[in-house]
Each structure stands twice: as structure tokens, then as C-alpha cells.
Amino acid sequence: MGNGLVVEVKDLTKTYGDIKAVDGISFKVKKGEIFGLLGPNGAGKTTTLECIEGLRKPDEGTFMLMGLNPDHRNLRNMIGIQLQVSGLPGTMRTGEAMNFICTYHGVGPRNDLLGRFGLKEKKNTQYQFLSTGLQRKLALALAIAHKPPILILDEPTAGLDVGSRVEFHTIIKELQDSGTTIILATHDMAEAEKMSSRVAILLNGKIVATGTPREITATGKGFTRISVQVKGSSLLNMTGKFLKVIKSSKRDGYEVYFSSDAGTTVSAIIKYISENNDELIDLRVERPSLEERFLEITSKGDH
């Protein structure tokens, strides 16, 4: 596809009875991007993915993957899919699952992936006896066994512990660095903000916001959080309000200010501390998070 586009969806619509699960959405994904597909339950994320994966046929609209329409016979080898719930039989052994997938895609055995994901020693273990983390790793290993240019991940880290999540994020970034284009559907806003090149937020079957995580948060009504800790008590004696501060509070020994213009507020705070012969110990500036903006959009239907 031209202009580095790998996925192009135009006016995609899917209806179940009287319900429009997906209502005329359009988006594009470039080569090497991690594109986050976000939304509350029932927003249309899964239906969108199922149409892209070829599991469902849309009622209206078109989409192209690597310049091919969804009915092209070569498309199955261009997509890797890690579903939230695996369809593997519980009695299937790890090695059997890998051999089956490799045979299906016409590639040689990928025992290297079993080693990379810590599954080599579990080669003869039945799927049902793997831990949740190892089941997720196996699902990802199977999804990338044929080196697909497009990888679709549906809640890939749901239910994992912190260590496993960090490891998964590292692997996903490695795949991105190698040129893999990734569509990531997740409920975890921190994960989406950390991992995604761009995101689209779905609500009631429509895309209501799209852009980089920073662009999405910049369009909201949230304020920058500025946390300040000083050696003395100068901030306790502050009777007025710093420039551009909308509200303030106290937390864990810090004075916390919510500002509509962080630069102006920080300058005013530092100047005040200096003029009052106090010493700055710590200052933290936190932009509104993607989660805060997501809640703002989905709770108020703001778009």
C-alpha cells in the first residue's frame, strides 16, 4: 500500500439485529506502528478486530491489509492473532501446538520461540497445565511463528503479574522495532499510553477520538498536576494562589497544584520559594493521563 500504509479501514459497519456494533468507522495504520484500539465493553473493538481477521464479514465498508482485500488467499500468512481467550484444546501439548501452527503456515518448526519465551522446558506440558503467564506467552509465540507483518493483540496482558507484563511489553516493542505493525486492543489505559504510537477511542460503535496519546490528552479538560516538596514551611504560609492554579491539595508531604499552564505555575512556585529563603527538595510535573481523558470522553460522550 502507498504512503507506508499497512491497514486501511473505510466506513466499516457491522449490525447485529437492531444494534450497530460498528457504525461506519475509518482508520489507517502505518508500517511499524502500534495502533491502540480502545473503548469500554460493547464499544465495537472485538467486532472490528474480527472483521479485520476475516472471522466476520462487515455489512458495509471496505478494508485492505498489505494492499490485499480480506478474501485474498495469501492474507492468512500476513496476519498473526493473539486472542484474549485461546482456542487451544486443554490437552494439546506446547510442542504440538507450535508444530501444528507452523505446519498450517508452511514454515519450519520454531523451537527458537519456545526458548525465547521460556517454554522449551514445557514442550511436553499440556496447555491446561500451563500458568496464565505461560499460556499468554505461548499464544504470542504461535501468533508470530510465521513472521507476519501484521500482528493483532486482544488484551495480551490481561491477568498477568507485573513482571510478566513488563516482559510482554519488551517483546512487543522488539517486534515493533523489527518492522511489525501491531493493532493492540486493551482496557489498560496505562498500557495503551506506554505502548501505542497512536490510538483510536471507540464509543457506541463510532471512533470519537484518534491521535497519539499526547494529542488525545492535550484535547481534554484535565489539568497538569504539580507536586512540590520544600525543606521549610514557605508553601504552608502561602496565602494567595499561584498563577494558573485551578485548585490545590496536600498529599504525602507534598503541596499539589492543578494548573492550566504548567510552565507559568512552575516558574511562579520556584520564584516564591527562592524569595522566601526556602529550599526545593522535589518537584514533579504530571500531564493528564490517557486514562483520565478516556474516562472524560466515555463518561460524558465528549467528542
Protein backbone atom coordinates (compact mmCIF):
# COMPACT_ATOMS: atom_id res chain seq x y z
CA MET A 1 0.00 0.00 0.00
CA GLY A 2 1.19 3.52 -0.71
CA ASN A 3 2.45 6.03 1.84
CA GLY A 4 3.62 3.24 4.14
CA LEU A 5 0.06 2.17 4.94
CA VAL A 6 -0.38 -1.41 6.06
CA VAL A 7 -4.02 -1.35 7.22
CA GLU A 8 -6.74 0.85 5.77
CA VAL A 9 -10.33 0.62 7.00
CA LYS A 10 -13.08 2.67 5.32
CA ASP A 11 -16.66 3.12 6.58
CA LEU A 12 -16.73 -0.26 8.31
CA THR A 13 -20.23 -1.17 9.53
CA LYS A 14 -21.48 -4.31 11.25
CA THR A 15 -25.00 -4.76 12.59
CA TYR A 16 -26.47 -7.45 14.82
CA GLY A 17 -30.25 -7.20 14.65
CA ASP A 18 -31.14 -3.66 15.69
CA ILE A 19 -27.70 -2.98 17.18
CA LYS A 20 -24.93 -1.33 15.19
CA ALA A 21 -21.85 -2.84 16.79
CA VAL A 22 -19.61 -0.88 14.40
CA ASP A 23 -21.01 2.27 12.82
CA GLY A 24 -19.07 3.46 9.79
CA ILE A 25 -15.57 3.70 11.27
CA SER A 26 -12.44 4.52 9.28
CA PHE A 27 -8.78 4.45 10.27
CA LYS A 28 -5.32 3.82 8.83
CA VAL A 29 -2.28 2.14 10.33
CA LYS A 30 1.26 2.71 9.04
CA LYS A 31 4.07 0.20 8.88
CA GLY A 32 5.78 -0.29 12.23
CA GLU A 33 3.08 1.45 14.29
CA ILE A 34 1.46 0.11 17.41
CA PHE A 35 -2.15 1.23 16.94
CA GLY A 36 -4.22 1.11 20.12
CA LEU A 37 -7.91 0.32 19.76
CA LEU A 38 -9.57 1.48 22.98
CA GLY A 39 -13.10 1.57 24.31
CA PRO A 40 -15.42 0.32 27.05
CA ASN A 41 -17.16 -3.05 26.81
CA GLY A 42 -19.60 -3.06 23.90
CA ALA A 43 -17.84 -0.22 22.07
CA GLY A 44 -17.14 -2.36 18.98
CA LYS A 45 -13.47 -3.26 19.45
CA THR A 46 -13.86 -7.04 19.16
CA THR A 47 -16.21 -6.83 16.17
CA THR A 48 -13.75 -4.53 14.40
CA LEU A 49 -10.90 -6.95 15.03
CA GLU A 50 -12.97 -9.94 13.92
CA CYS A 51 -13.74 -8.21 10.62
CA ILE A 52 -10.06 -7.43 10.06
CA GLU A 53 -9.13 -11.00 10.97
CA GLY A 54 -11.66 -12.38 8.50
CA LEU A 55 -13.77 -14.01 11.21
CA ARG A 56 -16.77 -11.82 10.38
CA LYS A 57 -17.96 -10.19 7.18
CA PRO A 58 -18.86 -6.50 7.50
CA ASP A 59 -22.26 -5.31 6.28
CA GLU A 60 -20.76 -2.22 4.68
CA GLY A 61 -17.36 -0.68 4.10
CA THR A 62 -14.03 -1.96 2.90
CA PHE A 63 -10.61 -2.67 4.30
CA MET A 64 -7.24 -3.57 2.87
CA LEU A 65 -4.33 -5.31 4.54
CA MET A 66 -0.93 -5.05 2.86
CA GLY A 67 -2.81 -3.93 -0.25
CA LEU A 68 -4.95 -7.08 -0.29
CA ASN A 69 -8.68 -7.46 0.30
CA PRO A 70 -9.80 -9.80 3.11
CA ASP A 71 -10.70 -12.63 0.71
CA HIS A 72 -7.19 -12.96 -0.73
CA ARG A 73 -5.80 -16.44 -0.16
CA ASN A 74 -2.38 -15.16 0.94
CA LEU A 75 -3.81 -12.97 3.69
CA ARG A 76 -3.75 -15.70 6.35
CA ASN A 77 0.04 -15.67 6.29
CA MET A 78 0.21 -11.90 6.68
CA ILE A 79 -1.65 -11.72 9.99
CA GLY A 80 -0.75 -13.06 13.40
CA ILE A 81 -3.51 -13.13 16.00
CA GLN A 82 -3.32 -13.41 19.77
CA LEU A 83 -6.86 -13.71 21.07
CA GLN A 84 -7.85 -12.87 24.63
CA VAL A 85 -9.18 -16.42 25.03
CA SER A 86 -7.19 -19.15 23.33
CA GLY A 87 -8.98 -21.81 21.33
CA LEU A 88 -6.33 -24.43 22.03
CA PRO A 89 -7.56 -27.77 23.40
CA GLY A 90 -6.60 -28.16 27.03
CA THR A 91 -4.89 -31.48 26.34
CA MET A 92 -2.72 -30.16 23.48
CA ARG A 93 0.95 -30.06 24.41
CA THR A 94 3.04 -26.94 23.94
CA GLY A 95 5.28 -28.51 21.28
CA GLU A 96 2.27 -29.94 19.44
CA ALA A 97 0.64 -26.53 19.28
CA MET A 98 3.77 -24.95 17.80
CA ASN A 99 4.20 -27.75 15.23
CA PHE A 100 0.55 -27.50 14.22
CA ILE A 101 0.71 -23.73 13.63
CA CYS A 102 3.99 -23.94 11.75
CA THR A 103 2.61 -26.68 9.50
CA TYR A 104 -0.55 -24.63 8.86
CA HIS A 105 1.51 -21.65 7.73
CA GLY A 106 4.05 -23.73 5.85
CA VAL A 107 7.09 -22.76 7.90
CA GLY A 108 9.69 -24.82 9.73
CA PRO A 109 9.41 -25.58 13.46
CA ARG A 110 10.02 -22.52 15.65
CA ASN A 111 11.62 -24.10 18.68
CA ASP A 112 13.64 -20.89 18.97
CA LEU A 113 10.45 -19.09 20.01
CA LEU A 114 9.72 -21.67 22.68
CA GLY A 115 13.18 -20.98 24.06
CA ARG A 116 12.76 -17.20 23.77
CA PHE A 117 9.50 -17.29 25.73
CA GLY A 118 10.67 -19.72 28.40
CA LEU A 119 8.56 -22.58 27.06
CA LYS A 120 11.27 -25.01 25.97
CA GLU A 121 11.10 -26.93 29.25
CA LYS A 122 7.31 -27.05 28.91
CA LYS A 123 7.35 -28.57 25.43
CA ASN A 124 5.55 -31.71 26.62
CA THR A 125 3.21 -29.96 29.05
CA GLN A 126 -0.47 -29.83 28.23
CA TYR A 127 -1.88 -26.37 27.65
CA GLN A 128 -4.33 -26.68 30.56
CA PHE A 129 -1.44 -27.14 33.00
CA LEU A 130 0.47 -24.02 31.94
CA SER A 131 0.26 -20.95 34.15
CA THR A 132 -1.71 -17.95 32.84
CA GLY A 133 1.54 -16.19 32.00
CA LEU A 134 2.90 -19.16 30.04
CA GLN A 135 -0.41 -19.57 28.22
CA ARG A 136 -0.18 -15.93 27.11
CA LYS A 137 3.42 -16.41 26.02
CA LEU A 138 2.50 -19.50 24.02
CA ALA A 139 -0.35 -17.63 22.34
CA LEU A 140 2.03 -14.85 21.32
CA ALA A 141 4.67 -17.32 20.14
CA LEU A 142 2.07 -19.05 17.96
CA ALA A 143 0.88 -15.70 16.58
CA ILE A 144 4.35 -14.70 15.38
CA ALA A 145 5.67 -18.15 14.37
CA HIS A 146 5.24 -17.37 10.65
CA LYS A 147 6.74 -13.87 10.99
CA PRO A 148 3.59 -11.98 9.96
CA PRO A 149 3.93 -8.29 9.01
CA ILE A 150 0.69 -7.56 10.91
CA LEU A 151 0.06 -8.66 14.50
CA ILE A 152 -3.30 -8.31 16.24
CA LEU A 153 -3.28 -8.45 20.05
CA ASP A 154 -6.52 -8.62 22.04
CA GLU A 155 -5.92 -7.84 25.73
CA PRO A 156 -2.48 -9.53 25.60
CA THR A 157 -1.52 -8.84 29.22
CA ALA A 158 -4.88 -9.27 30.97
CA GLY A 159 -4.44 -11.24 34.19
CA LEU A 160 -0.64 -11.18 34.14
CA ASP A 161 1.56 -10.20 37.07
CA VAL A 162 3.79 -7.12 36.88
CA GLY A 163 6.92 -9.00 35.85
CA SER A 164 5.17 -10.85 33.05
CA ARG A 165 3.56 -7.63 31.81
CA VAL A 166 6.93 -5.89 31.61
CA GLU A 167 8.37 -8.86 29.72
CA PHE A 168 5.45 -8.83 27.29
CA HIS A 169 5.89 -5.11 26.67
CA THR A 170 9.57 -5.68 25.93
CA ILE A 171 8.75 -8.40 23.40
CA ILE A 172 6.07 -6.27 21.73
CA LYS A 173 8.49 -3.35 21.40
CA GLU A 174 11.09 -5.69 19.89
CA LEU A 175 8.52 -6.79 17.31
CA GLN A 176 7.72 -3.17 16.51
CA ASP A 177 11.42 -2.37 16.13
CA SER A 178 11.73 -5.24 13.65
CA GLY A 179 9.05 -3.62 11.47
CA THR A 180 5.94 -5.49 12.62
CA THR A 181 2.74 -3.47 12.54
CA ILE A 182 0.64 -4.10 15.64
CA ILE A 183 -3.02 -3.46 16.42
CA LEU A 184 -3.50 -3.56 20.18
CA ALA A 185 -6.93 -3.78 21.78
CA THR A 186 -6.74 -3.19 25.53
CA HIS A 187 -8.70 -1.95 28.53
CA ASP A 188 -5.46 -0.95 30.22
CA MET A 189 -5.03 2.76 29.56
CA ALA A 190 -1.55 2.86 31.10
CA GLU A 191 -0.51 0.07 28.74
CA ALA A 192 -2.01 1.88 25.75
CA GLU A 193 -0.32 5.16 26.70
CA LYS A 194 3.04 3.48 27.15
CA MET A 195 2.98 1.23 24.09
CA SER A 196 0.91 2.90 21.38
CA SER A 197 2.17 5.11 18.57
CA ARG A 198 -1.42 6.24 18.02
CA VAL A 199 -4.79 5.30 19.48
CA ALA A 200 -8.43 5.36 18.44
CA ILE A 201 -11.16 5.50 21.08
CA LEU A 202 -14.43 3.76 20.19
CA LEU A 203 -17.75 4.60 21.80
CA ASN A 204 -21.06 3.06 20.74
CA GLY A 205 -19.54 1.77 17.53
CA LYS A 206 -18.01 5.08 16.45
CA ILE A 207 -14.48 6.46 16.67
CA VAL A 208 -14.74 9.54 18.87
CA ALA A 209 -11.04 10.40 19.17
CA THR A 210 -7.85 9.46 17.38
CA GLY A 211 -4.22 10.56 17.58
CA THR A 212 -1.08 10.00 19.61
CA PRO A 213 -1.64 9.53 23.36
CA ARG A 214 -0.19 13.03 23.91
CA GLU A 215 -2.55 14.53 21.32
CA ILE A 216 -5.54 12.82 22.92
CA THR A 217 -4.72 14.03 26.43
CA ALA A 218 -3.99 17.56 25.18
CA THR A 219 -7.56 17.97 23.92
CA GLY A 220 -9.12 17.29 27.33
CA LYS A 221 -10.17 19.49 30.20
CA GLY A 222 -7.73 17.94 32.65
CA PHE A 223 -5.07 19.99 34.35
CA THR A 224 -1.38 19.35 34.84
CA ARG A 225 -0.54 18.09 38.34
CA ILE A 226 2.43 19.82 40.00
CA SER A 227 3.68 18.27 43.27
CA VAL A 228 6.14 20.29 45.34
CA GLN A 229 8.08 19.43 48.50
CA VAL A 230 10.20 22.03 50.29
CA LYS A 231 12.53 21.89 53.28
CA GLY A 232 10.84 24.67 55.21
CA SER A 233 7.26 25.88 55.54
CA SER A 234 7.10 28.62 52.92
CA LEU A 235 4.31 26.92 50.95
CA LEU A 236 2.26 26.44 54.11
CA ASN A 237 2.35 30.20 54.59
CA MET A 238 1.26 30.90 51.04
CA THR A 239 -2.00 32.83 51.34
CA GLY A 240 -2.56 33.70 47.70
CA LYS A 241 -2.88 31.49 44.63
CA PHE A 242 -0.08 30.82 42.16
CA LEU A 243 -0.66 31.86 38.57
CA LYS A 244 -2.84 29.46 36.52
CA VAL A 245 -3.59 27.19 39.51
CA ILE A 246 -7.18 25.98 39.46
CA LYS A 247 -7.13 24.05 42.73
CA SER A 248 -4.64 22.68 45.25
CA SER A 249 -4.39 19.93 47.85
CA LYS A 250 -1.92 18.15 50.13
CA ARG A 251 -0.64 14.60 49.70
CA ASP A 252 2.15 12.64 51.43
CA GLY A 253 4.12 15.71 52.45
CA TYR A 254 3.69 17.44 49.08
CA GLU A 255 1.75 20.53 48.12
CA VAL A 256 -0.16 19.58 44.97
CA TYR A 257 -1.30 22.19 42.46
CA PHE A 258 -3.52 21.64 39.41
CA SER A 259 -2.57 24.08 36.69
CA SER A 260 -3.90 25.09 33.28
CA ASP A 261 -0.40 26.32 32.31
CA ALA A 262 2.36 24.28 33.91
CA GLY A 263 5.24 26.48 32.76
CA THR A 264 3.75 29.64 34.26
CA THR A 265 2.85 27.91 37.52
CA VAL A 266 6.23 26.20 37.99
CA SER A 267 8.07 29.49 37.40
CA ALA A 268 5.88 31.24 39.96
CA ILE A 269 6.40 28.48 42.55
CA ILE A 270 10.19 28.42 42.18
CA LYS A 271 10.37 32.22 42.38
CA TYR A 272 8.21 32.23 45.52
CA ILE A 273 10.33 29.54 47.22
CA SER A 274 13.52 31.46 46.46
CA GLU A 275 12.12 34.79 47.65
CA ASN A 276 11.11 33.17 50.94
CA ASN A 277 14.57 31.67 51.52
CA ASP A 278 13.24 28.12 51.37
CA GLU A 279 14.82 25.09 49.69
CA LEU A 280 13.18 22.99 47.00
CA ILE A 281 13.51 19.25 47.72
CA ASP A 282 11.36 17.75 44.97
CA LEU A 283 9.15 18.96 42.14
CA ARG A 284 7.10 16.68 39.90
CA VAL A 285 5.06 17.67 36.86
CA GLU A 286 2.50 15.16 35.57
CA ARG A 287 0.39 15.67 32.48
CA PRO A 288 -3.21 14.42 32.45
CA SER A 289 -3.11 10.69 31.76
CA LEU A 290 -4.74 8.88 28.85
CA GLU A 291 -6.91 7.10 31.40
CA GLU A 292 -8.24 10.42 32.72
CA ARG A 293 -9.00 11.62 29.20
CA PHE A 294 -10.58 8.25 28.30
CA LEU A 295 -12.90 8.47 31.30
CA GLU A 296 -13.75 12.03 30.40
CA ILE A 297 -14.71 11.01 26.86
CA THR A 298 -16.59 7.82 27.69
CA SER A 299 -18.48 9.17 30.71
CA LYS A 300 -19.70 12.34 29.02
CA GLY A 301 -19.71 11.23 25.40
CA ASP A 302 -17.40 14.17 24.76
CA HIS A 303 -16.28 14.21 21.15
